[in-house]
Amino acid sequence: MKHGWTVRLGRQAEQDYVEILQWTAKTFGERQASTYAETMSRAIEALEDGPDVLGVRARDDIQPGIRTFHVARHGFAGRHFVVFRVAGSHINVLRLLHDSMDLPRHLPAADDHLP
């Protein structure tokens, strides 16, 4: 059921997506990269139901208004977080970051906006 939420990927999130899949293909092969692309896409698409879907975590400790959503969903493994901020009826995906990364170090300033 659609609730009027629009999910937008910022330039850096789009670049993260491409780089993650390139690394996955090089390391684990094209088949695994394809599977992981679907896993990440499903996580991003789940946000179309809103910023409070099961598994979303408010991360004001990182930056005010930041939320994270782990890509591992419904039996699909994943080591990345969708990092986003809500703006009106939009969910702005800022980054796709590996769960071992120092998240605050890789986020834009709080007053940065999507291009």
N, C-alpha and C. Protein backbone atom coordinates (compact mmCIF):
# COMPACT_ATOMS: atom_id res chain seq x y z
N MET A 1 0.84 -1.18 0.00
CA MET A 1 0.00 0.00 0.00
C MET A 1 0.88 1.24 0.00
N LYS A 2 0.71 2.11 -0.94
CA LYS A 2 1.51 3.32 -1.10
C LYS A 2 0.96 4.41 -0.18
N HIS A 3 1.86 5.08 0.53
CA HIS A 3 1.45 6.10 1.49
C HIS A 3 1.89 7.50 1.07
N GLY A 4 2.27 7.67 -0.18
CA GLY A 4 2.66 8.99 -0.64
C GLY A 4 4.10 9.35 -0.36
N TRP A 5 4.93 8.41 0.04
CA TRP A 5 6.34 8.69 0.29
C TRP A 5 7.13 8.54 -1.00
N THR A 6 8.00 9.49 -1.26
CA THR A 6 8.88 9.44 -2.40
C THR A 6 10.30 9.25 -1.89
N VAL A 7 10.97 8.23 -2.40
CA VAL A 7 12.35 7.95 -2.01
C VAL A 7 13.26 8.48 -3.11
N ARG A 8 14.20 9.34 -2.71
CA ARG A 8 15.13 9.93 -3.66
C ARG A 8 16.56 9.59 -3.23
N LEU A 9 17.35 9.14 -4.18
CA LEU A 9 18.76 8.87 -3.92
C LEU A 9 19.58 10.08 -4.32
N GLY A 10 20.39 10.55 -3.40
CA GLY A 10 21.31 11.63 -3.69
C GLY A 10 22.45 11.12 -4.56
N ARG A 11 23.22 12.03 -5.10
CA ARG A 11 24.35 11.67 -5.96
C ARG A 11 25.32 10.72 -5.26
N GLN A 12 25.63 11.00 -4.00
CA GLN A 12 26.59 10.16 -3.30
C GLN A 12 26.01 8.77 -3.07
N ALA A 13 24.72 8.65 -2.78
CA ALA A 13 24.09 7.34 -2.60
C ALA A 13 24.11 6.56 -3.91
N GLU A 14 23.86 7.24 -5.03
CA GLU A 14 23.93 6.57 -6.33
C GLU A 14 25.34 6.07 -6.61
N GLN A 15 26.33 6.89 -6.28
CA GLN A 15 27.72 6.49 -6.47
C GLN A 15 28.07 5.31 -5.56
N ASP A 16 27.59 5.36 -4.31
CA ASP A 16 27.82 4.24 -3.39
C ASP A 16 27.26 2.95 -3.98
N TYR A 17 26.05 3.01 -4.52
CA TYR A 17 25.39 1.84 -5.09
C TYR A 17 26.24 1.22 -6.19
N VAL A 18 26.71 2.05 -7.10
CA VAL A 18 27.54 1.58 -8.21
C VAL A 18 28.84 0.96 -7.69
N GLU A 19 29.49 1.65 -6.77
CA GLU A 19 30.76 1.16 -6.24
C GLU A 19 30.60 -0.15 -5.46
N ILE A 20 29.53 -0.26 -4.71
CA ILE A 20 29.27 -1.50 -3.96
C ILE A 20 29.12 -2.67 -4.92
N LEU A 21 28.35 -2.45 -5.98
CA LEU A 21 28.11 -3.53 -6.94
C LEU A 21 29.37 -3.86 -7.75
N GLN A 22 30.16 -2.87 -8.08
CA GLN A 22 31.42 -3.13 -8.78
C GLN A 22 32.35 -3.97 -7.90
N TRP A 23 32.47 -3.59 -6.63
CA TRP A 23 33.32 -4.32 -5.71
C TRP A 23 32.80 -5.74 -5.52
N THR A 24 31.49 -5.89 -5.38
CA THR A 24 30.90 -7.21 -5.18
C THR A 24 31.15 -8.10 -6.40
N ALA A 25 30.99 -7.54 -7.60
CA ALA A 25 31.23 -8.32 -8.82
C ALA A 25 32.69 -8.75 -8.92
N LYS A 26 33.60 -7.84 -8.62
CA LYS A 26 35.02 -8.14 -8.69
C LYS A 26 35.42 -9.19 -7.65
N THR A 27 34.83 -9.10 -6.46
CA THR A 27 35.21 -9.97 -5.35
C THR A 27 34.47 -11.30 -5.36
N PHE A 28 33.17 -11.27 -5.68
CA PHE A 28 32.33 -12.46 -5.56
C PHE A 28 31.68 -12.92 -6.85
N GLY A 29 31.82 -12.14 -7.93
CA GLY A 29 31.26 -12.52 -9.21
C GLY A 29 29.98 -11.77 -9.55
N GLU A 30 29.65 -11.81 -10.84
CA GLU A 30 28.48 -11.09 -11.36
C GLU A 30 27.16 -11.60 -10.77
N ARG A 31 27.07 -12.89 -10.57
CA ARG A 31 25.82 -13.44 -10.03
C ARG A 31 25.54 -12.90 -8.63
N GLN A 32 26.58 -12.86 -7.79
CA GLN A 32 26.40 -12.33 -6.44
C GLN A 32 26.10 -10.83 -6.48
N ALA A 33 26.74 -10.12 -7.40
CA ALA A 33 26.48 -8.68 -7.54
C ALA A 33 25.02 -8.44 -7.91
N SER A 34 24.49 -9.27 -8.79
CA SER A 34 23.08 -9.15 -9.18
C SER A 34 22.15 -9.42 -7.99
N THR A 35 22.47 -10.44 -7.23
CA THR A 35 21.67 -10.76 -6.03
C THR A 35 21.72 -9.61 -5.03
N TYR A 36 22.91 -9.05 -4.84
CA TYR A 36 23.04 -7.97 -3.87
C TYR A 36 22.36 -6.69 -4.36
N ALA A 37 22.37 -6.47 -5.66
CA ALA A 37 21.66 -5.32 -6.22
C ALA A 37 20.18 -5.42 -5.88
N GLU A 38 19.63 -6.62 -5.99
CA GLU A 38 18.22 -6.82 -5.65
C GLU A 38 17.99 -6.61 -4.16
N THR A 39 18.91 -7.09 -3.33
CA THR A 39 18.79 -6.92 -1.89
C THR A 39 18.76 -5.44 -1.52
N MET A 40 19.69 -4.68 -2.07
CA MET A 40 19.73 -3.24 -1.76
C MET A 40 18.50 -2.53 -2.31
N SER A 41 18.08 -2.90 -3.52
CA SER A 41 16.89 -2.27 -4.11
C SER A 41 15.65 -2.54 -3.28
N ARG A 42 15.51 -3.75 -2.78
CA ARG A 42 14.35 -4.08 -1.93
C ARG A 42 14.32 -3.24 -0.66
N ALA A 43 15.48 -3.04 -0.07
CA ALA A 43 15.55 -2.22 1.15
C ALA A 43 15.15 -0.78 0.85
N ILE A 44 15.66 -0.24 -0.25
CA ILE A 44 15.32 1.14 -0.62
C ILE A 44 13.84 1.24 -0.95
N GLU A 45 13.30 0.28 -1.68
CA GLU A 45 11.88 0.28 -2.04
C GLU A 45 10.99 0.15 -0.81
N ALA A 46 11.45 -0.57 0.22
CA ALA A 46 10.66 -0.72 1.45
C ALA A 46 10.40 0.63 2.09
N LEU A 47 11.29 1.59 1.88
CA LEU A 47 11.11 2.92 2.45
C LEU A 47 9.96 3.69 1.81
N GLU A 48 9.45 3.21 0.69
CA GLU A 48 8.28 3.85 0.07
C GLU A 48 7.06 3.75 0.99
N ASP A 49 7.11 2.84 1.96
CA ASP A 49 6.03 2.74 2.95
C ASP A 49 6.22 3.72 4.10
N GLY A 50 7.28 4.48 4.08
CA GLY A 50 7.49 5.51 5.07
C GLY A 50 8.75 5.30 5.90
N PRO A 51 9.12 6.32 6.64
CA PRO A 51 10.37 6.29 7.39
C PRO A 51 10.32 5.47 8.68
N ASP A 52 9.18 4.92 8.99
CA ASP A 52 9.04 4.16 10.24
C ASP A 52 8.79 2.68 10.00
N VAL A 53 9.20 2.17 8.83
CA VAL A 53 9.04 0.74 8.58
C VAL A 53 9.90 -0.03 9.58
N LEU A 54 9.52 -1.26 9.81
CA LEU A 54 10.23 -2.11 10.75
C LEU A 54 11.71 -2.18 10.40
N GLY A 55 12.55 -1.87 11.37
CA GLY A 55 13.99 -1.94 11.17
C GLY A 55 14.67 -0.59 11.05
N VAL A 56 13.90 0.47 10.83
CA VAL A 56 14.49 1.81 10.76
C VAL A 56 14.88 2.24 12.17
N ARG A 57 16.04 2.86 12.25
CA ARG A 57 16.53 3.31 13.55
C ARG A 57 16.88 4.79 13.47
N ALA A 58 16.32 5.59 14.38
CA ALA A 58 16.68 7.00 14.47
C ALA A 58 18.12 7.09 14.97
N ARG A 59 18.93 7.92 14.32
CA ARG A 59 20.34 8.04 14.68
C ARG A 59 20.72 9.50 14.94
N ASP A 60 19.95 10.13 15.83
CA ASP A 60 20.26 11.51 16.21
C ASP A 60 21.63 11.61 16.87
N ASP A 61 22.16 10.48 17.34
CA ASP A 61 23.51 10.46 17.92
C ASP A 61 24.56 10.76 16.86
N ILE A 62 24.25 10.49 15.60
CA ILE A 62 25.16 10.77 14.50
C ILE A 62 24.98 12.22 14.03
N GLN A 63 23.70 12.56 13.81
CA GLN A 63 23.34 13.88 13.30
C GLN A 63 21.83 14.01 13.45
N PRO A 64 21.32 15.17 13.82
CA PRO A 64 19.87 15.32 13.97
C PRO A 64 19.12 14.93 12.69
N GLY A 65 18.10 14.12 12.85
CA GLY A 65 17.25 13.73 11.73
C GLY A 65 17.74 12.55 10.90
N ILE A 66 18.91 12.02 11.22
CA ILE A 66 19.44 10.88 10.46
C ILE A 66 18.77 9.60 10.92
N ARG A 67 18.46 8.75 9.96
CA ARG A 67 17.92 7.41 10.24
C ARG A 67 18.69 6.40 9.41
N THR A 68 18.75 5.18 9.91
CA THR A 68 19.42 4.11 9.17
C THR A 68 18.48 2.93 9.04
N PHE A 69 18.72 2.16 7.99
CA PHE A 69 17.92 0.99 7.68
C PHE A 69 18.86 -0.05 7.10
N HIS A 70 19.00 -1.16 7.76
CA HIS A 70 19.91 -2.21 7.29
C HIS A 70 19.32 -2.87 6.06
N VAL A 71 20.18 -3.17 5.06
CA VAL A 71 19.66 -3.74 3.82
C VAL A 71 19.26 -5.20 3.97
N ALA A 72 19.73 -5.88 4.99
CA ALA A 72 19.35 -7.29 5.19
C ALA A 72 17.86 -7.35 5.51
N ARG A 73 17.10 -7.98 4.62
CA ARG A 73 15.65 -8.03 4.76
C ARG A 73 15.14 -9.39 4.32
N HIS A 74 14.18 -9.91 5.02
CA HIS A 74 13.44 -11.11 4.60
C HIS A 74 14.34 -12.23 4.07
N GLY A 75 15.35 -12.56 4.83
CA GLY A 75 16.23 -13.66 4.45
C GLY A 75 17.35 -13.29 3.49
N PHE A 76 17.40 -12.05 3.05
CA PHE A 76 18.48 -11.59 2.18
C PHE A 76 19.56 -10.97 3.05
N ALA A 77 20.78 -11.48 2.93
CA ALA A 77 21.90 -10.98 3.73
C ALA A 77 22.41 -9.67 3.15
N GLY A 78 23.00 -8.86 4.01
CA GLY A 78 23.60 -7.61 3.55
C GLY A 78 24.39 -6.96 4.66
N ARG A 79 25.41 -6.22 4.29
CA ARG A 79 26.27 -5.57 5.28
C ARG A 79 26.22 -4.05 5.16
N HIS A 80 25.23 -3.51 4.49
CA HIS A 80 25.16 -2.06 4.29
C HIS A 80 23.92 -1.46 4.95
N PHE A 81 24.07 -0.18 5.26
CA PHE A 81 22.96 0.61 5.77
C PHE A 81 22.52 1.60 4.72
N VAL A 82 21.20 1.80 4.63
CA VAL A 82 20.65 2.92 3.89
C VAL A 82 20.59 4.05 4.92
N VAL A 83 21.28 5.14 4.65
CA VAL A 83 21.32 6.28 5.57
C VAL A 83 20.48 7.37 4.93
N PHE A 84 19.47 7.85 5.68
CA PHE A 84 18.54 8.79 5.07
C PHE A 84 18.04 9.83 6.05
N ARG A 85 17.38 10.82 5.47
CA ARG A 85 16.75 11.90 6.24
C ARG A 85 15.37 12.13 5.62
N VAL A 86 14.41 12.49 6.45
CA VAL A 86 13.04 12.77 5.99
C VAL A 86 12.90 14.27 5.77
N ALA A 87 12.27 14.64 4.65
CA ALA A 87 11.98 16.04 4.32
C ALA A 87 10.58 16.09 3.74
N GLY A 88 9.62 16.47 4.55
CA GLY A 88 8.23 16.48 4.10
C GLY A 88 7.77 15.07 3.81
N SER A 89 7.30 14.82 2.59
CA SER A 89 6.87 13.48 2.20
C SER A 89 7.95 12.75 1.40
N HIS A 90 9.18 13.24 1.52
CA HIS A 90 10.32 12.65 0.81
C HIS A 90 11.26 11.97 1.78
N ILE A 91 11.80 10.87 1.34
CA ILE A 91 12.88 10.20 2.06
C ILE A 91 14.12 10.39 1.19
N ASN A 92 15.06 11.15 1.71
CA ASN A 92 16.28 11.46 0.97
C ASN A 92 17.39 10.52 1.41
N VAL A 93 17.75 9.60 0.54
CA VAL A 93 18.82 8.66 0.83
C VAL A 93 20.15 9.37 0.59
N LEU A 94 20.92 9.50 1.66
CA LEU A 94 22.18 10.23 1.60
C LEU A 94 23.35 9.35 1.21
N ARG A 95 23.38 8.14 1.80
CA ARG A 95 24.50 7.23 1.57
C ARG A 95 24.04 5.79 1.69
N LEU A 96 24.82 4.89 1.13
CA LEU A 96 24.72 3.45 1.34
C LEU A 96 26.08 3.06 1.90
N LEU A 97 26.15 2.78 3.19
CA LEU A 97 27.43 2.60 3.86
C LEU A 97 27.54 1.22 4.48
N HIS A 98 28.74 0.66 4.41
CA HIS A 98 29.02 -0.65 4.99
C HIS A 98 28.90 -0.55 6.51
N ASP A 99 28.40 -1.60 7.13
CA ASP A 99 28.15 -1.56 8.58
C ASP A 99 29.43 -1.48 9.42
N SER A 100 30.59 -1.67 8.81
CA SER A 100 31.85 -1.54 9.56
C SER A 100 32.41 -0.11 9.50
N MET A 101 31.78 0.76 8.72
CA MET A 101 32.29 2.12 8.54
C MET A 101 31.89 3.02 9.70
N ASP A 102 32.67 4.05 9.89
CA ASP A 102 32.36 5.11 10.85
C ASP A 102 31.33 6.02 10.18
N LEU A 103 30.05 5.79 10.46
CA LEU A 103 28.98 6.47 9.73
C LEU A 103 29.09 8.00 9.78
N PRO A 104 29.30 8.62 10.95
CA PRO A 104 29.35 10.09 10.97
C PRO A 104 30.41 10.68 10.04
N ARG A 105 31.51 9.99 9.90
CA ARG A 105 32.60 10.49 9.07
C ARG A 105 32.22 10.56 7.59
N HIS A 106 31.26 9.77 7.17
CA HIS A 106 30.91 9.67 5.76
C HIS A 106 29.60 10.35 5.39
N LEU A 107 29.06 11.16 6.30
CA LEU A 107 27.80 11.84 6.01
C LEU A 107 28.04 13.31 5.67
N PRO A 108 27.17 13.85 4.83
CA PRO A 108 27.28 15.29 4.53
C PRO A 108 26.88 16.09 5.76
N ALA A 109 27.24 17.35 5.77
CA ALA A 109 26.85 18.24 6.86
C ALA A 109 25.33 18.28 6.98
N ALA A 110 24.84 18.55 8.17
CA ALA A 110 23.39 18.54 8.44
C ALA A 110 22.62 19.49 7.54
N ASP A 111 23.24 20.56 7.10
CA ASP A 111 22.51 21.55 6.29
C ASP A 111 22.67 21.31 4.79
N ASP A 112 23.38 20.24 4.40
CA ASP A 112 23.48 19.88 2.98
C ASP A 112 22.14 19.33 2.50
N HIS A 113 21.81 19.59 1.26
CA HIS A 113 20.56 19.10 0.68
C HIS A 113 20.87 18.22 -0.52
N LEU A 114 19.87 17.47 -0.95
CA LEU A 114 20.04 16.68 -2.16
C LEU A 114 20.19 17.61 -3.35
N PRO A 115 21.03 17.24 -4.29
CA PRO A 115 21.18 18.07 -5.50
C PRO A 115 19.93 18.04 -6.35
